[in-house]
Amino acid sequence: MRNPYEVLGVAPAASPAEIQSAFRQLAKKLHPDLNPGDKSAEDKFKEVTGAYDLLSDADKRKRFDNGEIDASGAERPPQHFYRDYAGSDQDHPYADASGFADFMDEEDAFAELLRRGQRARANRRGQDMHYRLPIGFADSVTGANKRLTLPDGSTLDVKIPPGLVDGQTLRLKGKGMPGTGTGDFGDALIEVEVLPDRRFTREGDDITLELPISLSEAVLGGRVRVPTPTGDVTMSVPKGSNTGTTLRLKGKGAPRRGGGQGDQFVKLKVVLPKPPDPELEAFVSNWAGGKDFNPREDGAS
């Protein structure tokens, strides 16, 4: 650590008033509250504060001048010779100083700012930690319990609420970095990434699914199995359904914020067999009604 006199820019014989004045001038420039986000200023302020804490204490200053402690206040090994900046090995002539208390005698508003800043740093809340958690589409709709593995190998259990959307951030209180002194732990902020599902798309609280059906099911109707985020359900396909026919499964969407559920919409898509069925080709070739029907004419659908 640097010599505290050099840090404050004063001579070793400076009076307490000169030391206080030098500290105040530097503190007003470097205080973190006046330089938000400036790490260099914060580090310099800490160095200046440490130097002032040592030199404003008459006993510590005397012991530093005599070589008994270093600039951090740590004890030095005993020495045979001491350098006395005052030129005497008698009791140090400097008057006692009590840190920031002398500022308050002057009712100085900036002194109070310094005191609050010092207390805040001594009992500072821990840093928030930011993480990203990928989850499946179905889990985002129904909710789930997930375990997140952190870079250091530890884990966090994360409860995914039903209806969560991509990019939403969950806050786990007290799961961040530890604070200093009596400061609380920070929080863990979990940004959730909802992985796409090729079957489903979501718009608000409603979900859409494209469901392939056979020609027979389209013409004759029938009961089919339909995937939903909570599992398969059975749905009736009406006779004469076309590609694009949309059916609704009420309450099978995502949870609504005010209560209740959205819906799932099922868009039908008629799919012919592969390879082509010769029997079907023969039927269509001889199907007069099919030849007369033109789906591209207005009103044909």
C-alpha atoms as a PDB file:
ATOM      1  CA  MET A   1       0.000   0.000   0.000  1.00  0.00           C
ATOM      2  CA  ARG A   2       1.115   3.562  -0.701  1.00  0.00           C
ATOM      3  CA  ASN A   3       2.280   5.923   2.003  1.00  0.00           C
ATOM      4  CA  PRO A   4      -0.881   7.601   3.403  1.00  0.00           C
ATOM      5  CA  TYR A   5       0.759  11.048   3.264  1.00  0.00           C
ATOM      6  CA  GLU A   6       1.371  10.546  -0.467  1.00  0.00           C
ATOM      7  CA  VAL A   7      -2.195   9.314  -0.968  1.00  0.00           C
ATOM      8  CA  LEU A   8      -3.629  12.483   0.584  1.00  0.00           C
ATOM      9  CA  GLY A   9      -0.926  14.710  -0.957  1.00  0.00           C
ATOM     10  CA  VAL A  10       0.237  16.215   2.346  1.00  0.00           C
ATOM     11  CA  ALA A  11       3.599  16.515   4.059  1.00  0.00           C
ATOM     12  CA  PRO A  12       4.477  14.242   7.010  1.00  0.00           C
ATOM     13  CA  ALA A  13       4.367  17.313   9.266  1.00  0.00           C
ATOM     14  CA  ALA A  14       0.858  18.315   8.119  1.00  0.00           C
ATOM     15  CA  SER A  15      -1.549  19.374  10.837  1.00  0.00           C
ATOM     16  CA  PRO A  16      -4.804  17.513  11.478  1.00  0.00           C
ATOM     17  CA  ALA A  17      -6.686  20.394   9.859  1.00  0.00           C
ATOM     18  CA  GLU A  18      -4.553  20.138   6.718  1.00  0.00           C
ATOM     19  CA  ILE A  19      -5.092  16.367   6.585  1.00  0.00           C
ATOM     20  CA  GLN A  20      -8.828  16.820   7.005  1.00  0.00           C
ATOM     21  CA  SER A  21      -8.963  19.483   4.307  1.00  0.00           C
ATOM     22  CA  ALA A  22      -6.972  17.342   1.849  1.00  0.00           C
ATOM     23  CA  PHE A  23      -9.250  14.371   2.498  1.00  0.00           C
ATOM     24  CA  ARG A  24     -12.417  16.397   2.008  1.00  0.00           C
ATOM     25  CA  GLN A  25     -11.233  17.764  -1.317  1.00  0.00           C
ATOM     26  CA  LEU A  26     -10.323  14.310  -2.612  1.00  0.00           C
ATOM     27  CA  ALA A  27     -13.464  12.669  -1.227  1.00  0.00           C
ATOM     28  CA  LYS A  28     -15.707  15.205  -2.942  1.00  0.00           C
ATOM     29  CA  LYS A  29     -14.106  14.279  -6.256  1.00  0.00           C
ATOM     30  CA  LEU A  30     -13.977  10.509  -5.778  1.00  0.00           C
ATOM     31  CA  HIS A  31     -17.026   9.536  -3.697  1.00  0.00           C
ATOM     32  CA  PRO A  32     -18.858   6.589  -5.418  1.00  0.00           C
ATOM     33  CA  ASP A  33     -22.227   8.322  -5.039  1.00  0.00           C
ATOM     34  CA  LEU A  34     -20.848  11.155  -7.169  1.00  0.00           C
ATOM     35  CA  ASN A  35     -19.189   8.802  -9.683  1.00  0.00           C
ATOM     36  CA  PRO A  36     -21.690   5.986 -10.300  1.00  0.00           C
ATOM     37  CA  GLY A  37     -20.212   3.093 -12.260  1.00  0.00           C
ATOM     38  CA  ASP A  38     -16.638   4.471 -12.132  1.00  0.00           C
ATOM     39  CA  LYS A  39     -14.569   1.594 -10.688  1.00  0.00           C
ATOM     40  CA  SER A  40     -11.341   3.615 -10.794  1.00  0.00           C
ATOM     41  CA  ALA A  41     -12.848   6.420  -8.729  1.00  0.00           C
ATOM     42  CA  GLU A  42     -14.264   3.902  -6.258  1.00  0.00           C
ATOM     43  CA  ASP A  43     -10.854   2.248  -5.786  1.00  0.00           C
ATOM     44  CA  LYS A  44      -9.165   5.639  -5.294  1.00  0.00           C
ATOM     45  CA  PHE A  45     -11.849   6.659  -2.791  1.00  0.00           C
ATOM     46  CA  LYS A  46     -11.207   3.500  -0.791  1.00  0.00           C
ATOM     47  CA  GLU A  47      -7.467   4.270  -0.786  1.00  0.00           C
ATOM     48  CA  VAL A  48      -8.054   7.886   0.279  1.00  0.00           C
ATOM     49  CA  THR A  49     -10.486   6.812   3.008  1.00  0.00           C
ATOM     50  CA  GLY A  50      -7.999   4.253   4.333  1.00  0.00           C
ATOM     51  CA  ALA A  51      -5.236   6.859   4.427  1.00  0.00           C
ATOM     52  CA  TYR A  52      -7.471   9.343   6.263  1.00  0.00           C
ATOM     53  CA  ASP A  53      -8.640   6.713   8.741  1.00  0.00           C
ATOM     54  CA  LEU A  54      -5.014   6.088   9.698  1.00  0.00           C
ATOM     55  CA  LEU A  55      -3.770   9.696   9.793  1.00  0.00           C
ATOM     56  CA  SER A  56      -6.874  11.115  11.528  1.00  0.00           C
ATOM     57  CA  ASP A  57      -6.264   8.774  14.464  1.00  0.00           C
ATOM     58  CA  ALA A  58      -3.497  10.346  16.560  1.00  0.00           C
ATOM     59  CA  ASP A  59      -2.361   7.035  18.042  1.00  0.00           C
ATOM     60  CA  LYS A  60      -2.286   5.214  14.691  1.00  0.00           C
ATOM     61  CA  ARG A  61      -0.501   8.135  13.057  1.00  0.00           C
ATOM     62  CA  LYS A  62       2.147   8.156  15.778  1.00  0.00           C
ATOM     63  CA  ARG A  63       2.660   4.423  15.467  1.00  0.00           C
ATOM     64  CA  PHE A  64       2.924   4.699  11.675  1.00  0.00           C
ATOM     65  CA  ASP A  65       5.428   7.548  11.949  1.00  0.00           C
ATOM     66  CA  ASN A  66       7.471   5.429  14.382  1.00  0.00           C
ATOM     67  CA  GLY A  67       7.438   2.464  11.987  1.00  0.00           C
ATOM     68  CA  GLU A  68       5.376   0.248  14.289  1.00  0.00           C
ATOM     69  CA  ILE A  69       2.537  -0.292  11.773  1.00  0.00           C
ATOM     70  CA  ASP A  70       2.374  -0.131   8.001  1.00  0.00           C
ATOM     71  CA  ALA A  71       0.009   1.881   5.774  1.00  0.00           C
ATOM     72  CA  SER A  72      -2.737  -0.737   6.212  1.00  0.00           C
ATOM     73  CA  GLY A  73      -2.492  -0.574  10.018  1.00  0.00           C
ATOM     74  CA  ALA A  74      -0.814  -3.984  10.280  1.00  0.00           C
ATOM     75  CA  GLU A  75       1.914  -4.507  12.867  1.00  0.00           C
ATOM     76  CA  ARG A  76       5.507  -4.355  11.677  1.00  0.00           C
ATOM     77  CA  PRO A  77       8.358  -6.427  13.205  1.00  0.00           C
ATOM     78  CA  PRO A  78      10.206  -4.586  16.016  1.00  0.00           C
ATOM     79  CA  GLN A  79      12.968  -2.298  14.760  1.00  0.00           C
ATOM     80  CA  HIS A  80      15.921  -0.662  16.520  1.00  0.00           C
ATOM     81  CA  PHE A  81      15.577   2.653  14.802  1.00  0.00           C
ATOM     82  CA  TYR A  82      12.461   4.671  14.115  1.00  0.00           C
ATOM     83  CA  ARG A  83      11.949   7.598  11.875  1.00  0.00           C
ATOM     84  CA  ASP A  84      10.060  10.356  13.643  1.00  0.00           C
ATOM     85  CA  TYR A  85       8.616  12.733  11.112  1.00  0.00           C
ATOM     86  CA  ALA A  86       8.078  15.272  13.921  1.00  0.00           C
ATOM     87  CA  GLY A  87      11.778  15.070  14.825  1.00  0.00           C
ATOM     88  CA  SER A  88      11.099  13.827  18.342  1.00  0.00           C
ATOM     89  CA  ASP A  89      10.473  10.528  20.090  1.00  0.00           C
ATOM     90  CA  GLN A  90       8.251  12.244  22.652  1.00  0.00           C
ATOM     91  CA  ASP A  91       4.472  11.950  22.642  1.00  0.00           C
ATOM     92  CA  HIS A  92       3.100  12.866  19.284  1.00  0.00           C
ATOM     93  CA  PRO A  93       2.036  16.535  19.256  1.00  0.00           C
ATOM     94  CA  TYR A  94      -0.952  16.073  16.967  1.00  0.00           C
ATOM     95  CA  ALA A  95      -4.360  16.551  18.494  1.00  0.00           C
ATOM     96  CA  ASP A  96      -6.862  13.727  18.585  1.00  0.00           C
ATOM     97  CA  ALA A  97      -9.241  13.397  15.622  1.00  0.00           C
ATOM     98  CA  SER A  98     -12.333  11.257  15.505  1.00  0.00           C
ATOM     99  CA  GLY A  99     -12.848  10.527  11.821  1.00  0.00           C
ATOM    100  CA  PHE A 100     -16.019  11.939  10.373  1.00  0.00           C
ATOM    101  CA  ALA A 101     -17.291  13.317  13.700  1.00  0.00           C
ATOM    102  CA  ASP A 102     -15.457  16.603  13.164  1.00  0.00           C
ATOM    103  CA  PHE A 103     -17.352  17.080   9.909  1.00  0.00           C
ATOM    104  CA  MET A 104     -20.631  16.729  11.760  1.00  0.00           C
ATOM    105  CA  ASP A 105     -19.551  19.424  14.253  1.00  0.00           C
ATOM    106  CA  GLU A 106     -19.688  21.759  11.268  1.00  0.00           C
ATOM    107  CA  GLU A 107     -23.078  20.352  10.216  1.00  0.00           C
ATOM    108  CA  ASP A 108     -21.536  19.603   6.876  1.00  0.00           C
ATOM    109  CA  ALA A 109     -24.006  17.813   4.584  1.00  0.00           C
ATOM    110  CA  PHE A 110     -21.228  16.178   2.624  1.00  0.00           C
ATOM    111  CA  ALA A 111     -19.809  14.680   5.806  1.00  0.00           C
ATOM    112  CA  GLU A 112     -23.108  12.900   6.353  1.00  0.00           C
ATOM    113  CA  LEU A 113     -22.906  11.568   2.792  1.00  0.00           C
ATOM    114  CA  LEU A 114     -19.466  10.182   3.565  1.00  0.00           C
ATOM    115  CA  ARG A 115     -20.658   8.589   6.780  1.00  0.00           C
ATOM    116  CA  ARG A 116     -23.584   6.916   5.061  1.00  0.00           C
ATOM    117  CA  GLY A 117     -21.344   5.693   2.287  1.00  0.00           C
ATOM    118  CA  GLN A 118     -18.866   4.251   4.791  1.00  0.00           C
ATOM    119  CA  ARG A 119     -21.633   2.434   6.692  1.00  0.00           C
ATOM    120  CA  ALA A 120     -23.149   1.151   3.452  1.00  0.00           C
ATOM    121  CA  ARG A 121     -19.825  -0.273   2.311  1.00  0.00           C
ATOM    122  CA  ALA A 122     -19.261  -1.922   5.692  1.00  0.00           C
ATOM    123  CA  ASN A 123     -22.697  -3.588   5.511  1.00  0.00           C
ATOM    124  CA  ARG A 124     -23.187  -3.910   1.788  1.00  0.00           C
ATOM    125  CA  ARG A 125     -25.758  -6.218   0.238  1.00  0.00           C
ATOM    126  CA  GLY A 126     -24.306  -9.037  -1.828  1.00  0.00           C
ATOM    127  CA  GLN A 127     -24.173  -8.876  -5.624  1.00  0.00           C
ATOM    128  CA  ASP A 128     -27.043 -10.276  -7.693  1.00  0.00           C
ATOM    129  CA  MET A 129     -26.065 -13.167  -9.978  1.00  0.00           C
ATOM    130  CA  HIS A 130     -27.522 -13.625 -13.466  1.00  0.00           C
ATOM    131  CA  TYR A 131     -28.144 -17.038 -15.059  1.00  0.00           C
ATOM    132  CA  ARG A 132     -29.985 -18.452 -18.087  1.00  0.00           C
ATOM    133  CA  LEU A 133     -32.181 -21.552 -17.893  1.00  0.00           C
ATOM    134  CA  PRO A 134     -33.545 -23.346 -21.002  1.00  0.00           C
ATOM    135  CA  ILE A 135     -36.858 -25.188 -20.526  1.00  0.00           C
ATOM    136  CA  GLY A 136     -39.240 -27.109 -22.791  1.00  0.00           C
ATOM    137  CA  PHE A 137     -42.364 -25.526 -24.268  1.00  0.00           C
ATOM    138  CA  ALA A 138     -44.700 -27.803 -22.305  1.00  0.00           C
ATOM    139  CA  ASP A 139     -42.943 -26.888 -19.030  1.00  0.00           C
ATOM    140  CA  SER A 140     -43.480 -23.198 -19.766  1.00  0.00           C
ATOM    141  CA  VAL A 141     -47.239 -23.829 -20.028  1.00  0.00           C
ATOM    142  CA  THR A 142     -47.775 -26.300 -17.197  1.00  0.00           C
ATOM    143  CA  GLY A 143     -45.001 -25.231 -14.815  1.00  0.00           C
ATOM    144  CA  ALA A 144     -42.183 -27.451 -13.566  1.00  0.00           C
ATOM    145  CA  ASN A 145     -39.385 -27.839 -11.025  1.00  0.00           C
ATOM    146  CA  LYS A 146     -35.925 -27.530 -12.567  1.00  0.00           C
ATOM    147  CA  ARG A 147     -32.391 -27.775 -11.226  1.00  0.00           C
ATOM    148  CA  LEU A 148     -29.849 -25.280 -12.547  1.00  0.00           C
ATOM    149  CA  THR A 149     -26.161 -26.233 -12.376  1.00  0.00           C
ATOM    150  CA  LEU A 150     -23.959 -23.192 -11.720  1.00  0.00           C
ATOM    151  CA  PRO A 151     -20.441 -22.624 -13.113  1.00  0.00           C
ATOM    152  CA  ASP A 152     -18.862 -23.622  -9.772  1.00  0.00           C
ATOM    153  CA  GLY A 153     -20.696 -26.970  -9.771  1.00  0.00           C
ATOM    154  CA  SER A 154     -23.296 -26.033  -7.166  1.00  0.00           C
ATOM    155  CA  THR A 155     -27.001 -26.175  -8.028  1.00  0.00           C
ATOM    156  CA  LEU A 156     -30.138 -24.082  -7.644  1.00  0.00           C
ATOM    157  CA  ASP A 157     -33.667 -25.503  -7.559  1.00  0.00           C
ATOM    158  CA  VAL A 158     -35.932 -23.319  -9.687  1.00  0.00           C
ATOM    159  CA  LYS A 159     -39.737 -23.455  -9.607  1.00  0.00           C
ATOM    160  CA  ILE A 160     -41.165 -22.594 -13.035  1.00  0.00           C
ATOM    161  CA  PRO A 161     -44.636 -21.038 -12.648  1.00  0.00           C
ATOM    162  CA  PRO A 162     -47.358 -22.118 -15.121  1.00  0.00           C
ATOM    163  CA  GLY A 163     -47.777 -19.823 -18.117  1.00  0.00           C
ATOM    164  CA  LEU A 164     -44.243 -18.436 -18.119  1.00  0.00           C
ATOM    165  CA  VAL A 165     -43.106 -16.780 -21.386  1.00  0.00           C
ATOM    166  CA  ASP A 166     -39.752 -16.744 -23.154  1.00  0.00           C
ATOM    167  CA  GLY A 167     -37.313 -14.198 -21.705  1.00  0.00           C
ATOM    168  CA  GLN A 168     -39.118 -13.861 -18.379  1.00  0.00           C
ATOM    169  CA  THR A 169     -36.808 -13.453 -15.376  1.00  0.00           C
ATOM    170  CA  LEU A 170     -37.345 -15.247 -12.080  1.00  0.00           C
ATOM    171  CA  ARG A 171     -35.840 -13.873  -8.857  1.00  0.00           C
ATOM    172  CA  LEU A 172     -34.561 -16.280  -6.212  1.00  0.00           C
ATOM    173  CA  LYS A 173     -34.194 -14.101  -3.134  1.00  0.00           C
ATOM    174  CA  GLY A 174     -31.018 -14.558  -1.130  1.00  0.00           C
ATOM    175  CA  LYS A 175     -29.403 -16.957  -3.640  1.00  0.00           C
ATOM    176  CA  GLY A 176     -26.791 -14.509  -4.911  1.00  0.00           C
ATOM    177  CA  MET A 177     -23.383 -13.519  -3.525  1.00  0.00           C
ATOM    178  CA  PRO A 178     -22.932 -12.973   0.238  1.00  0.00           C
ATOM    179  CA  GLY A 179     -22.946  -9.415   1.562  1.00  0.00           C
ATOM    180  CA  THR A 180     -20.331  -7.735   3.746  1.00  0.00           C
ATOM    181  CA  GLY A 181     -20.835  -7.151   7.447  1.00  0.00           C
ATOM    182  CA  THR A 182     -24.533  -7.379   8.191  1.00  0.00           C
ATOM    183  CA  GLY A 183     -25.448  -6.958   4.519  1.00  0.00           C
ATOM    184  CA  ASP A 184     -27.945  -9.448   3.075  1.00  0.00           C
ATOM    185  CA  PHE A 185     -27.194 -11.972   0.364  1.00  0.00           C
ATOM    186  CA  GLY A 186     -27.888 -10.825  -3.178  1.00  0.00           C
ATOM    187  CA  ASP A 187     -30.461 -12.531  -5.376  1.00  0.00           C
ATOM    188  CA  ALA A 188     -30.191 -15.003  -8.263  1.00  0.00           C
ATOM    189  CA  LEU A 189     -31.877 -13.682 -11.403  1.00  0.00           C
ATOM    190  CA  ILE A 190     -32.858 -16.538 -13.725  1.00  0.00           C
ATOM    191  CA  GLU A 191     -33.710 -15.593 -17.310  1.00  0.00           C
ATOM    192  CA  VAL A 192     -35.797 -18.414 -18.752  1.00  0.00           C
ATOM    193  CA  GLU A 193     -35.377 -19.465 -22.375  1.00  0.00           C
ATOM    194  CA  VAL A 194     -38.380 -21.392 -23.715  1.00  0.00           C
ATOM    195  CA  LEU A 195     -37.133 -23.883 -26.292  1.00  0.00           C
ATOM    196  CA  PRO A 196     -39.267 -24.101 -29.450  1.00  0.00           C
ATOM    197  CA  ASP A 197     -41.516 -27.112 -30.018  1.00  0.00           C
ATOM    198  CA  ARG A 198     -42.174 -27.917 -33.675  1.00  0.00           C
ATOM    199  CA  ARG A 199     -45.720 -28.982 -32.821  1.00  0.00           C
ATOM    200  CA  PHE A 200     -46.914 -25.880 -30.980  1.00  0.00           C
ATOM    201  CA  THR A 201     -46.953 -22.132 -31.458  1.00  0.00           C
ATOM    202  CA  ARG A 202     -48.164 -19.698 -28.825  1.00  0.00           C
ATOM    203  CA  GLU A 203     -49.929 -16.366 -29.189  1.00  0.00           C
ATOM    204  CA  GLY A 204     -50.791 -14.791 -25.867  1.00  0.00           C
ATOM    205  CA  ASP A 205     -52.503 -17.470 -23.786  1.00  0.00           C
ATOM    206  CA  ASP A 206     -53.672 -19.487 -26.808  1.00  0.00           C
ATOM    207  CA  ILE A 207     -51.790 -22.343 -28.453  1.00  0.00           C
ATOM    208  CA  THR A 208     -51.997 -23.552 -32.041  1.00  0.00           C
ATOM    209  CA  LEU A 209     -51.198 -27.040 -33.350  1.00  0.00           C
ATOM    210  CA  GLU A 210     -51.231 -28.300 -36.945  1.00  0.00           C
ATOM    211  CA  LEU A 211     -52.650 -31.826 -36.998  1.00  0.00           C
ATOM    212  CA  PRO A 212     -52.246 -34.154 -40.015  1.00  0.00           C
ATOM    213  CA  ILE A 213     -55.343 -36.233 -40.824  1.00  0.00           C
ATOM    214  CA  SER A 214     -55.976 -38.873 -43.465  1.00  0.00           C
ATOM    215  CA  LEU A 215     -58.297 -38.471 -46.445  1.00  0.00           C
ATOM    216  CA  SER A 216     -60.715 -40.940 -44.883  1.00  0.00           C
ATOM    217  CA  GLU A 217     -60.823 -38.925 -41.639  1.00  0.00           C
ATOM    218  CA  ALA A 218     -61.356 -35.733 -43.606  1.00  0.00           C
ATOM    219  CA  VAL A 219     -64.210 -37.177 -45.678  1.00  0.00           C
ATOM    220  CA  LEU A 220     -65.922 -39.396 -43.140  1.00  0.00           C
ATOM    221  CA  GLY A 221     -64.921 -37.722 -39.892  1.00  0.00           C
ATOM    222  CA  GLY A 222     -63.723 -39.621 -36.855  1.00  0.00           C
ATOM    223  CA  ARG A 223     -62.059 -39.543 -33.462  1.00  0.00           C
ATOM    224  CA  VAL A 224     -58.352 -38.662 -33.389  1.00  0.00           C
ATOM    225  CA  ARG A 225     -55.669 -38.239 -30.719  1.00  0.00           C
ATOM    226  CA  VAL A 226     -54.384 -34.686 -30.341  1.00  0.00           C
ATOM    227  CA  PRO A 227     -51.198 -33.678 -28.458  1.00  0.00           C
ATOM    228  CA  THR A 228     -51.504 -30.888 -25.865  1.00  0.00           C
ATOM    229  CA  PRO A 229     -48.898 -29.542 -23.411  1.00  0.00           C
ATOM    230  CA  THR A 230     -50.601 -31.543 -20.648  1.00  0.00           C
ATOM    231  CA  GLY A 231     -50.863 -34.780 -22.637  1.00  0.00           C
ATOM    232  CA  ASP A 232     -52.885 -36.280 -25.483  1.00  0.00           C
ATOM    233  CA  VAL A 233     -56.673 -35.853 -25.680  1.00  0.00           C
ATOM    234  CA  THR A 234     -59.301 -37.261 -28.033  1.00  0.00           C
ATOM    235  CA  MET A 235     -61.044 -34.921 -30.441  1.00  0.00           C
ATOM    236  CA  SER A 236     -63.797 -35.395 -33.031  1.00  0.00           C
ATOM    237  CA  VAL A 237     -63.044 -34.455 -36.639  1.00  0.00           C
ATOM    238  CA  PRO A 238     -66.278 -33.521 -38.409  1.00  0.00           C
ATOM    239  CA  LYS A 239     -67.178 -35.000 -41.792  1.00  0.00           C
ATOM    240  CA  GLY A 240     -66.016 -33.030 -44.820  1.00  0.00           C
ATOM    241  CA  SER A 241     -63.081 -31.343 -43.050  1.00  0.00           C
ATOM    242  CA  ASN A 242     -60.490 -29.615 -45.209  1.00  0.00           C
ATOM    243  CA  THR A 243     -56.880 -28.571 -44.789  1.00  0.00           C
ATOM    244  CA  GLY A 244     -57.094 -25.360 -42.794  1.00  0.00           C
ATOM    245  CA  THR A 245     -60.229 -26.333 -40.881  1.00  0.00           C
ATOM    246  CA  THR A 246     -59.606 -25.120 -37.328  1.00  0.00           C
ATOM    247  CA  LEU A 247     -61.089 -26.772 -34.257  1.00  0.00           C
ATOM    248  CA  ARG A 248     -60.889 -25.529 -30.657  1.00  0.00           C
ATOM    249  CA  LEU A 249     -59.968 -27.387 -27.495  1.00  0.00           C
ATOM    250  CA  LYS A 250     -61.327 -25.101 -24.790  1.00  0.00           C
ATOM    251  CA  GLY A 251     -59.115 -24.530 -21.770  1.00  0.00           C
ATOM    252  CA  LYS A 252     -56.110 -26.392 -23.199  1.00  0.00           C
ATOM    253  CA  GLY A 253     -53.968 -23.269 -23.650  1.00  0.00           C
ATOM    254  CA  ALA A 254     -51.693 -21.450 -21.204  1.00  0.00           C
ATOM    255  CA  PRO A 255     -52.910 -20.091 -17.843  1.00  0.00           C
ATOM    256  CA  ARG A 256     -54.319 -16.562 -18.005  1.00  0.00           C
ATOM    257  CA  ARG A 257     -52.867 -13.967 -15.676  1.00  0.00           C
ATOM    258  CA  GLY A 258     -56.268 -13.073 -14.291  1.00  0.00           C
ATOM    259  CA  GLY A 259     -57.339 -16.711 -13.893  1.00  0.00           C
ATOM    260  CA  GLY A 260     -58.584 -19.417 -16.209  1.00  0.00           C
ATOM    261  CA  GLN A 261     -56.897 -20.949 -19.257  1.00  0.00           C
ATOM    262  CA  GLY A 262     -56.416 -20.031 -22.865  1.00  0.00           C
ATOM    263  CA  ASP A 263     -57.502 -22.393 -25.657  1.00  0.00           C
ATOM    264  CA  GLN A 264     -55.712 -24.710 -28.036  1.00  0.00           C
ATOM    265  CA  PHE A 265     -56.576 -24.351 -31.712  1.00  0.00           C
ATOM    266  CA  VAL A 266     -56.100 -27.377 -33.955  1.00  0.00           C
ATOM    267  CA  LYS A 267     -55.566 -26.681 -37.654  1.00  0.00           C
ATOM    268  CA  LEU A 268     -56.243 -29.741 -39.786  1.00  0.00           C
ATOM    269  CA  LYS A 269     -54.014 -30.739 -42.645  1.00  0.00           C
ATOM    270  CA  VAL A 270     -55.171 -33.477 -45.043  1.00  0.00           C
ATOM    271  CA  VAL A 271     -52.287 -35.774 -45.951  1.00  0.00           C
ATOM    272  CA  LEU A 272     -52.451 -38.376 -48.741  1.00  0.00           C
ATOM    273  CA  PRO A 273     -50.773 -41.759 -48.280  1.00  0.00           C
ATOM    274  CA  LYS A 274     -47.240 -42.412 -49.520  1.00  0.00           C
ATOM    275  CA  PRO A 275     -46.502 -44.060 -51.824  1.00  0.00           C
ATOM    276  CA  PRO A 276     -49.682 -43.249 -53.834  1.00  0.00           C
ATOM    277  CA  ASP A 277     -52.447 -45.815 -53.417  1.00  0.00           C
ATOM    278  CA  PRO A 278     -53.407 -47.372 -56.803  1.00  0.00           C
ATOM    279  CA  GLU A 279     -56.932 -48.088 -55.559  1.00  0.00           C
ATOM    280  CA  LEU A 280     -57.379 -44.435 -54.595  1.00  0.00           C
ATOM    281  CA  GLU A 281     -56.037 -43.303 -57.950  1.00  0.00           C
ATOM    282  CA  ALA A 282     -58.460 -45.614 -59.775  1.00  0.00           C
ATOM    283  CA  PHE A 283     -61.381 -44.301 -57.706  1.00  0.00           C
ATOM    284  CA  VAL A 284     -60.527 -40.669 -58.376  1.00  0.00           C
ATOM    285  CA  SER A 285     -60.041 -41.362 -62.089  1.00  0.00           C
ATOM    286  CA  ASN A 286     -63.596 -42.698 -62.306  1.00  0.00           C
ATOM    287  CA  TRP A 287     -65.087 -40.109 -59.907  1.00  0.00           C
ATOM    288  CA  ALA A 288     -67.169 -37.814 -62.054  1.00  0.00           C
ATOM    289  CA  GLY A 289     -68.120 -35.502 -59.190  1.00  0.00           C
ATOM    290  CA  GLY A 290     -64.482 -34.954 -58.392  1.00  0.00           C
ATOM    291  CA  LYS A 291     -63.775 -33.902 -61.943  1.00  0.00           C
ATOM    292  CA  ASP A 292     -66.629 -31.392 -61.921  1.00  0.00           C
ATOM    293  CA  PHE A 293     -65.526 -29.755 -58.649  1.00  0.00           C
ATOM    294  CA  ASN A 294     -63.174 -26.753 -58.996  1.00  0.00           C
ATOM    295  CA  PRO A 295     -61.924 -25.556 -55.560  1.00  0.00           C
ATOM    296  CA  ARG A 296     -60.374 -22.425 -57.116  1.00  0.00           C
ATOM    297  CA  GLU A 297     -63.696 -20.950 -58.159  1.00  0.00           C
ATOM    298  CA  ASP A 298     -65.259 -18.333 -55.874  1.00  0.00           C
ATOM    299  CA  GLY A 299     -67.599 -19.865 -53.347  1.00  0.00           C
ATOM    300  CA  ALA A 300     -66.342 -23.406 -53.943  1.00  0.00           C
ATOM    301  CA  SER A 301     -64.823 -23.739 -50.482  1.00  0.00           C
END
